[in-house]
Amino acid sequence: MARGGFARTDRVAALLRREVAVLVHEDVRAQLLPEVSVSDVEVSRDLAVAKVFVTALKPEDAKPALAILKEEAKRYRQVLSKALSLRMVPELRFHYDDSVDRGERIDQLLRGER
């Protein structure tokens, strides 16, 4: 643990979550991406890889959005390397965060809906 109780990986993850969310939001507004948002970022201990978790407003948009995000990952990394004061920006790997979908399904089941 570093000063303040947060490991460097946690600080880098929070920074990336904020900055990648801005890039994704810009692409959503430009209609390059379906309606998605960044829900979390996990960074490896060596800071080489960042798992970026995204949620989709409509679950059916998840696969097309992930395909586009995976194509854009290199461009996002280049933009981040110019904007951030990090020695090395981690490789961005996008994953769909289905926790919202699972939560809605559980809620439906609890309400007795099928």
N, C-alpha and C. Protein backbone atom coordinates (compact mmCIF):
# COMPACT_ATOMS: atom_id res chain seq x y z
N MET A 1 0.83 -1.19 0.00
CA MET A 1 0.00 0.00 0.00
C MET A 1 0.88 1.25 0.00
N ALA A 2 0.45 2.18 -0.76
CA ALA A 2 1.16 3.46 -0.85
C ALA A 2 0.53 4.45 0.10
N ARG A 3 1.04 5.65 0.06
CA ARG A 3 0.50 6.69 0.93
C ARG A 3 -0.99 6.87 0.69
N GLY A 4 -1.72 7.24 1.71
CA GLY A 4 -3.14 7.48 1.57
C GLY A 4 -3.98 6.23 1.55
N GLY A 5 -3.36 5.04 1.63
CA GLY A 5 -4.12 3.81 1.68
C GLY A 5 -4.52 3.26 0.32
N PHE A 6 -4.11 3.89 -0.77
CA PHE A 6 -4.45 3.41 -2.10
C PHE A 6 -3.20 2.96 -2.83
N ALA A 7 -3.26 1.80 -3.43
CA ALA A 7 -2.15 1.32 -4.23
C ALA A 7 -2.09 2.11 -5.53
N ARG A 8 -0.94 2.13 -6.14
CA ARG A 8 -0.77 2.84 -7.42
C ARG A 8 -1.75 2.29 -8.45
N THR A 9 -1.96 0.98 -8.45
CA THR A 9 -2.89 0.40 -9.43
C THR A 9 -4.30 0.97 -9.27
N ASP A 10 -4.70 1.22 -8.02
CA ASP A 10 -6.03 1.80 -7.78
C ASP A 10 -6.11 3.23 -8.30
N ARG A 11 -5.06 3.99 -8.09
CA ARG A 11 -5.05 5.38 -8.58
C ARG A 11 -5.05 5.43 -10.11
N VAL A 12 -4.25 4.55 -10.74
CA VAL A 12 -4.21 4.51 -12.20
C VAL A 12 -5.56 4.04 -12.74
N ALA A 13 -6.18 3.06 -12.08
CA ALA A 13 -7.48 2.56 -12.52
C ALA A 13 -8.54 3.67 -12.46
N ALA A 14 -8.54 4.44 -11.38
CA ALA A 14 -9.50 5.54 -11.24
C ALA A 14 -9.27 6.61 -12.31
N LEU A 15 -8.02 6.92 -12.58
CA LEU A 15 -7.68 7.90 -13.61
C LEU A 15 -8.14 7.40 -14.98
N LEU A 16 -7.84 6.15 -15.29
CA LEU A 16 -8.24 5.59 -16.58
C LEU A 16 -9.76 5.51 -16.71
N ARG A 17 -10.43 5.14 -15.62
CA ARG A 17 -11.90 5.05 -15.66
C ARG A 17 -12.49 6.41 -16.06
N ARG A 18 -11.97 7.45 -15.46
CA ARG A 18 -12.47 8.81 -15.74
C ARG A 18 -12.15 9.21 -17.20
N GLU A 19 -10.92 9.00 -17.62
CA GLU A 19 -10.49 9.46 -18.94
C GLU A 19 -11.07 8.61 -20.07
N VAL A 20 -11.13 7.30 -19.90
CA VAL A 20 -11.70 6.43 -20.94
C VAL A 20 -13.20 6.70 -21.04
N ALA A 21 -13.85 6.98 -19.91
CA ALA A 21 -15.29 7.29 -19.93
C ALA A 21 -15.55 8.53 -20.79
N VAL A 22 -14.67 9.52 -20.72
CA VAL A 22 -14.83 10.72 -21.53
C VAL A 22 -14.70 10.37 -23.02
N LEU A 23 -13.70 9.56 -23.37
CA LEU A 23 -13.50 9.18 -24.76
C LEU A 23 -14.69 8.38 -25.29
N VAL A 24 -15.17 7.44 -24.49
CA VAL A 24 -16.32 6.63 -24.90
C VAL A 24 -17.55 7.51 -25.06
N HIS A 25 -17.76 8.42 -24.11
CA HIS A 25 -18.92 9.31 -24.18
C HIS A 25 -18.87 10.17 -25.45
N GLU A 26 -17.68 10.66 -25.80
CA GLU A 26 -17.53 11.45 -27.03
C GLU A 26 -17.92 10.63 -28.25
N ASP A 27 -17.52 9.36 -28.28
CA ASP A 27 -17.86 8.51 -29.43
C ASP A 27 -19.35 8.16 -29.45
N VAL A 28 -19.97 8.03 -28.28
CA VAL A 28 -21.42 7.80 -28.23
C VAL A 28 -22.14 9.02 -28.77
N ARG A 29 -21.72 10.20 -28.33
CA ARG A 29 -22.36 11.45 -28.80
C ARG A 29 -22.18 11.66 -30.29
N ALA A 30 -21.05 11.22 -30.83
CA ALA A 30 -20.79 11.35 -32.27
C ALA A 30 -21.46 10.21 -33.04
N GLN A 31 -22.19 9.38 -32.36
CA GLN A 31 -22.92 8.25 -32.92
C GLN A 31 -22.01 7.22 -33.58
N LEU A 32 -20.78 7.14 -33.09
CA LEU A 32 -19.85 6.11 -33.56
C LEU A 32 -20.05 4.83 -32.77
N LEU A 33 -20.69 4.96 -31.61
CA LEU A 33 -20.90 3.84 -30.69
C LEU A 33 -22.35 3.80 -30.25
N PRO A 34 -22.89 2.58 -30.01
CA PRO A 34 -24.20 2.50 -29.34
C PRO A 34 -24.08 3.08 -27.93
N GLU A 35 -25.19 3.28 -27.27
CA GLU A 35 -25.23 3.88 -25.93
C GLU A 35 -24.59 2.95 -24.90
N VAL A 36 -23.32 3.22 -24.58
CA VAL A 36 -22.59 2.45 -23.57
C VAL A 36 -21.89 3.41 -22.62
N SER A 37 -21.53 2.90 -21.46
CA SER A 37 -20.75 3.70 -20.52
C SER A 37 -19.76 2.81 -19.79
N VAL A 38 -18.70 3.43 -19.31
CA VAL A 38 -17.65 2.70 -18.57
C VAL A 38 -18.11 2.52 -17.14
N SER A 39 -18.12 1.27 -16.67
CA SER A 39 -18.57 1.01 -15.30
C SER A 39 -17.40 0.79 -14.34
N ASP A 40 -16.29 0.26 -14.85
CA ASP A 40 -15.16 -0.01 -13.96
C ASP A 40 -13.90 -0.23 -14.79
N VAL A 41 -12.75 -0.07 -14.16
CA VAL A 41 -11.47 -0.38 -14.77
C VAL A 41 -10.63 -1.09 -13.72
N GLU A 42 -10.02 -2.20 -14.12
CA GLU A 42 -9.09 -2.93 -13.26
C GLU A 42 -7.74 -2.95 -13.96
N VAL A 43 -6.69 -2.58 -13.23
CA VAL A 43 -5.36 -2.52 -13.80
C VAL A 43 -4.51 -3.63 -13.21
N SER A 44 -3.72 -4.29 -14.06
CA SER A 44 -2.83 -5.35 -13.59
C SER A 44 -1.75 -4.76 -12.68
N ARG A 45 -1.16 -5.60 -11.85
CA ARG A 45 -0.16 -5.13 -10.89
C ARG A 45 1.03 -4.45 -11.56
N ASP A 46 1.39 -4.94 -12.76
CA ASP A 46 2.54 -4.35 -13.46
C ASP A 46 2.14 -3.16 -14.33
N LEU A 47 0.87 -2.77 -14.26
CA LEU A 47 0.32 -1.62 -14.99
C LEU A 47 0.40 -1.78 -16.51
N ALA A 48 0.52 -3.02 -16.99
CA ALA A 48 0.64 -3.26 -18.42
C ALA A 48 -0.72 -3.39 -19.11
N VAL A 49 -1.73 -3.88 -18.36
CA VAL A 49 -3.04 -4.15 -18.95
C VAL A 49 -4.13 -3.55 -18.08
N ALA A 50 -5.12 -2.94 -18.74
CA ALA A 50 -6.29 -2.42 -18.02
C ALA A 50 -7.53 -3.09 -18.61
N LYS A 51 -8.30 -3.75 -17.75
CA LYS A 51 -9.58 -4.30 -18.17
C LYS A 51 -10.61 -3.18 -17.98
N VAL A 52 -11.26 -2.80 -19.08
CA VAL A 52 -12.24 -1.73 -19.04
C VAL A 52 -13.62 -2.38 -19.18
N PHE A 53 -14.45 -2.25 -18.15
CA PHE A 53 -15.78 -2.86 -18.16
C PHE A 53 -16.80 -1.80 -18.59
N VAL A 54 -17.65 -2.19 -19.54
CA VAL A 54 -18.67 -1.28 -20.03
C VAL A 54 -20.05 -1.91 -19.88
N THR A 55 -21.05 -1.04 -19.70
CA THR A 55 -22.44 -1.48 -19.67
C THR A 55 -23.15 -0.82 -20.85
N ALA A 56 -24.18 -1.48 -21.34
CA ALA A 56 -24.95 -0.95 -22.46
C ALA A 56 -26.34 -0.60 -21.99
N LEU A 57 -26.87 0.49 -22.53
CA LEU A 57 -28.23 0.90 -22.20
C LEU A 57 -29.20 -0.20 -22.63
N LYS A 58 -28.97 -0.74 -23.81
CA LYS A 58 -29.76 -1.87 -24.32
C LYS A 58 -28.81 -3.07 -24.42
N PRO A 59 -29.12 -4.17 -23.73
CA PRO A 59 -28.22 -5.34 -23.76
C PRO A 59 -27.90 -5.83 -25.17
N GLU A 60 -28.82 -5.65 -26.12
CA GLU A 60 -28.55 -6.11 -27.48
C GLU A 60 -27.47 -5.27 -28.18
N ASP A 61 -27.16 -4.11 -27.63
CA ASP A 61 -26.10 -3.26 -28.19
C ASP A 61 -24.71 -3.65 -27.70
N ALA A 62 -24.64 -4.56 -26.74
CA ALA A 62 -23.37 -4.89 -26.10
C ALA A 62 -22.34 -5.45 -27.08
N LYS A 63 -22.73 -6.45 -27.87
CA LYS A 63 -21.75 -7.08 -28.78
C LYS A 63 -21.24 -6.12 -29.84
N PRO A 64 -22.14 -5.38 -30.53
CA PRO A 64 -21.61 -4.42 -31.52
C PRO A 64 -20.72 -3.35 -30.87
N ALA A 65 -21.10 -2.90 -29.70
CA ALA A 65 -20.31 -1.88 -29.01
C ALA A 65 -18.93 -2.41 -28.64
N LEU A 66 -18.88 -3.63 -28.12
CA LEU A 66 -17.58 -4.22 -27.76
C LEU A 66 -16.68 -4.37 -28.98
N ALA A 67 -17.26 -4.77 -30.09
CA ALA A 67 -16.46 -4.92 -31.32
C ALA A 67 -15.85 -3.58 -31.71
N ILE A 68 -16.64 -2.51 -31.65
CA ILE A 68 -16.13 -1.18 -31.99
C ILE A 68 -15.07 -0.73 -30.99
N LEU A 69 -15.34 -0.95 -29.69
CA LEU A 69 -14.38 -0.55 -28.66
C LEU A 69 -13.05 -1.27 -28.82
N LYS A 70 -13.11 -2.54 -29.15
CA LYS A 70 -11.86 -3.30 -29.34
C LYS A 70 -11.07 -2.75 -30.52
N GLU A 71 -11.77 -2.30 -31.56
CA GLU A 71 -11.10 -1.68 -32.70
C GLU A 71 -10.49 -0.33 -32.32
N GLU A 72 -11.17 0.40 -31.45
CA GLU A 72 -10.74 1.74 -31.05
C GLU A 72 -9.71 1.75 -29.92
N ALA A 73 -9.45 0.60 -29.31
CA ALA A 73 -8.58 0.53 -28.13
C ALA A 73 -7.21 1.16 -28.37
N LYS A 74 -6.62 0.88 -29.52
CA LYS A 74 -5.29 1.43 -29.81
C LYS A 74 -5.35 2.97 -29.91
N ARG A 75 -6.38 3.49 -30.59
CA ARG A 75 -6.52 4.95 -30.71
C ARG A 75 -6.73 5.59 -29.34
N TYR A 76 -7.59 4.97 -28.51
CA TYR A 76 -7.81 5.50 -27.16
C TYR A 76 -6.50 5.54 -26.39
N ARG A 77 -5.72 4.48 -26.51
CA ARG A 77 -4.44 4.41 -25.78
C ARG A 77 -3.51 5.53 -26.24
N GLN A 78 -3.48 5.80 -27.54
CA GLN A 78 -2.63 6.87 -28.06
C GLN A 78 -3.08 8.24 -27.54
N VAL A 79 -4.40 8.47 -27.52
CA VAL A 79 -4.93 9.73 -27.00
C VAL A 79 -4.58 9.87 -25.52
N LEU A 80 -4.74 8.79 -24.78
CA LEU A 80 -4.44 8.81 -23.34
C LEU A 80 -2.96 9.06 -23.09
N SER A 81 -2.09 8.49 -23.92
CA SER A 81 -0.65 8.67 -23.70
C SER A 81 -0.25 10.13 -23.87
N LYS A 82 -0.98 10.86 -24.72
CA LYS A 82 -0.68 12.29 -24.90
C LYS A 82 -1.30 13.13 -23.79
N ALA A 83 -2.41 12.66 -23.23
CA ALA A 83 -3.15 13.46 -22.24
C ALA A 83 -2.72 13.22 -20.80
N LEU A 84 -2.18 12.03 -20.52
CA LEU A 84 -1.86 11.67 -19.14
C LEU A 84 -0.36 11.69 -18.90
N SER A 85 0.00 11.93 -17.67
CA SER A 85 1.43 11.93 -17.32
C SER A 85 1.80 10.58 -16.71
N LEU A 86 1.61 9.54 -17.50
CA LEU A 86 2.01 8.20 -17.09
C LEU A 86 3.19 7.77 -17.96
N ARG A 87 4.13 7.04 -17.37
CA ARG A 87 5.26 6.55 -18.16
C ARG A 87 4.78 5.67 -19.30
N MET A 88 3.82 4.80 -18.96
CA MET A 88 3.26 3.89 -19.95
C MET A 88 1.76 3.76 -19.70
N VAL A 89 0.97 3.95 -20.73
CA VAL A 89 -0.47 3.76 -20.61
C VAL A 89 -0.74 2.28 -20.85
N PRO A 90 -1.49 1.64 -19.95
CA PRO A 90 -1.75 0.21 -20.11
C PRO A 90 -2.51 -0.11 -21.39
N GLU A 91 -2.33 -1.33 -21.87
CA GLU A 91 -3.12 -1.82 -23.00
C GLU A 91 -4.57 -1.91 -22.52
N LEU A 92 -5.51 -1.40 -23.31
CA LEU A 92 -6.92 -1.39 -22.93
C LEU A 92 -7.62 -2.62 -23.49
N ARG A 93 -8.24 -3.39 -22.62
CA ARG A 93 -9.02 -4.56 -23.03
C ARG A 93 -10.45 -4.37 -22.54
N PHE A 94 -11.37 -4.32 -23.47
CA PHE A 94 -12.77 -4.04 -23.14
C PHE A 94 -13.55 -5.32 -22.88
N HIS A 95 -14.39 -5.26 -21.84
CA HIS A 95 -15.24 -6.38 -21.45
C HIS A 95 -16.63 -5.85 -21.13
N TYR A 96 -17.64 -6.69 -21.40
CA TYR A 96 -19.00 -6.28 -21.07
C TYR A 96 -19.28 -6.60 -19.61
N ASP A 97 -19.82 -5.64 -18.89
CA ASP A 97 -20.19 -5.81 -17.48
C ASP A 97 -21.68 -6.15 -17.44
N ASP A 98 -21.98 -7.42 -17.21
CA ASP A 98 -23.38 -7.85 -17.23
C ASP A 98 -24.04 -7.80 -15.86
N SER A 99 -23.41 -7.17 -14.89
CA SER A 99 -23.97 -7.12 -13.53
C SER A 99 -25.31 -6.39 -13.50
N VAL A 100 -25.46 -5.35 -14.32
CA VAL A 100 -26.73 -4.62 -14.36
C VAL A 100 -27.83 -5.52 -14.92
N ASP A 101 -27.50 -6.23 -16.00
CA ASP A 101 -28.47 -7.16 -16.59
C ASP A 101 -28.87 -8.25 -15.60
N ARG A 102 -27.87 -8.81 -14.90
CA ARG A 102 -28.17 -9.85 -13.91
C ARG A 102 -29.02 -9.30 -12.78
N GLY A 103 -28.73 -8.08 -12.34
CA GLY A 103 -29.51 -7.45 -11.27
C GLY A 103 -30.96 -7.23 -11.69
N GLU A 104 -31.17 -6.78 -12.93
CA GLU A 104 -32.53 -6.59 -13.43
C GLU A 104 -33.27 -7.93 -13.50
N ARG A 105 -32.57 -8.97 -13.93
CA ARG A 105 -33.19 -10.30 -14.03
C ARG A 105 -33.59 -10.80 -12.64
N ILE A 106 -32.74 -10.62 -11.66
CA ILE A 106 -33.05 -11.03 -10.28
C ILE A 106 -34.24 -10.24 -9.78
N ASP A 107 -34.26 -8.94 -10.05
CA ASP A 107 -35.38 -8.09 -9.65
C ASP A 107 -36.70 -8.58 -10.27
N GLN A 108 -36.67 -8.95 -11.54
CA GLN A 108 -37.85 -9.48 -12.22
C GLN A 108 -38.33 -10.77 -11.54
N LEU A 109 -37.37 -11.64 -11.22
CA LEU A 109 -37.72 -12.90 -10.59
C LEU A 109 -38.34 -12.68 -9.21
N LEU A 110 -37.79 -11.71 -8.47
CA LEU A 110 -38.33 -11.41 -7.14
C LEU A 110 -39.73 -10.83 -7.21
N ARG A 111 -40.02 -10.11 -8.30
CA ARG A 111 -41.36 -9.56 -8.48
C ARG A 111 -42.33 -10.57 -9.10
N GLY A 112 -41.82 -11.75 -9.43
CA GLY A 112 -42.66 -12.80 -9.97
C GLY A 112 -42.90 -12.69 -11.46
N GLU A 113 -42.09 -11.89 -12.15
CA GLU A 113 -42.21 -11.77 -13.61
C GLU A 113 -41.35 -12.82 -14.27
N ARG A 114 -41.71 -13.20 -15.45
CA ARG A 114 -40.91 -14.20 -16.19
C ARG A 114 -40.20 -13.54 -17.29
